[in-house]
Amino acid sequence: MEDLKLPIIKKPLPAAKWLSMDDYVRFVTMNIRYTLDKRNYRKWKKLAAVKEKFSLE
């Protein structure tokens, strides 16, 4: 395995920010609105659908 040359963080980590559920829902809906490509999602959904019949015994 190769030795990884990761950066060394010298500064202290930023303080953790706690989100309320309302803030979290706002963040998730904004993320979906601006990052989800609905056209490609619909194409992928059609390709992922199972077209063969099956049964469990």
Protein backbone atom coordinates (compact mmCIF):
# COMPACT_ATOMS: atom_id res chain seq x y z
CA MET A 1 0.00 0.00 0.00
CA GLU A 2 1.28 3.45 -0.87
CA ASP A 3 2.08 6.05 1.75
CA LEU A 4 -0.47 8.80 1.53
CA LYS A 5 0.72 12.37 1.78
CA LEU A 6 -2.22 13.93 3.54
CA PRO A 7 -2.12 17.55 4.63
CA ILE A 8 -1.32 18.20 8.27
CA ILE A 9 -3.92 20.40 9.92
CA LYS A 10 -2.20 22.83 12.24
CA LYS A 11 -5.15 25.03 13.14
CA PRO A 12 -7.74 23.94 15.70
CA LEU A 13 -10.96 22.51 14.30
CA PRO A 14 -13.90 24.88 14.03
CA ALA A 15 -16.55 24.68 16.70
CA ALA A 16 -19.34 22.24 15.96
CA LYS A 17 -22.58 23.85 14.85
CA TRP A 18 -25.81 22.25 15.97
CA LEU A 19 -28.81 22.60 13.69
CA SER A 20 -32.40 22.60 14.81
CA MET A 21 -34.76 20.29 12.93
CA ASP A 22 -36.24 23.28 11.09
CA ASP A 23 -32.78 24.38 9.94
CA TYR A 24 -31.94 20.82 8.93
CA VAL A 25 -35.13 20.45 6.88
CA ARG A 26 -34.40 23.78 5.18
CA PHE A 27 -30.86 22.62 4.37
CA VAL A 28 -32.02 19.28 2.95
CA THR A 29 -34.78 20.80 0.80
CA MET A 30 -32.40 23.45 -0.55
CA ASN A 31 -29.82 20.76 -1.31
CA ILE A 32 -32.36 18.62 -3.18
CA ARG A 33 -33.73 21.61 -5.07
CA TYR A 34 -30.35 22.71 -6.42
CA THR A 35 -28.44 19.44 -6.77
CA LEU A 36 -31.00 16.88 -7.94
CA ASP A 37 -31.36 16.60 -11.71
CA LYS A 38 -34.93 15.36 -12.08
CA ARG A 39 -34.57 14.41 -15.75
CA ASN A 40 -31.56 12.15 -15.12
CA TYR A 41 -33.20 10.72 -11.99
CA ARG A 42 -36.27 9.69 -13.99
CA LYS A 43 -34.07 8.03 -16.66
CA TRP A 44 -32.11 6.15 -13.98
CA LYS A 45 -35.33 5.07 -12.27
CA LYS A 46 -36.65 3.58 -15.52
CA LEU A 47 -33.37 1.74 -16.12
CA ALA A 48 -33.31 0.38 -12.56
CA ALA A 49 -36.84 -1.02 -12.70
CA VAL A 50 -37.16 -4.81 -12.80
CA LYS A 51 -39.12 -6.03 -15.81
CA GLU A 52 -39.04 -9.77 -15.10
CA LYS A 53 -41.66 -11.50 -13.01
CA PHE A 54 -40.47 -13.39 -9.96
CA SER A 55 -41.92 -15.14 -6.95
CA LEU A 56 -40.64 -16.21 -3.56
CA GLU A 57 -41.21 -19.81 -2.57
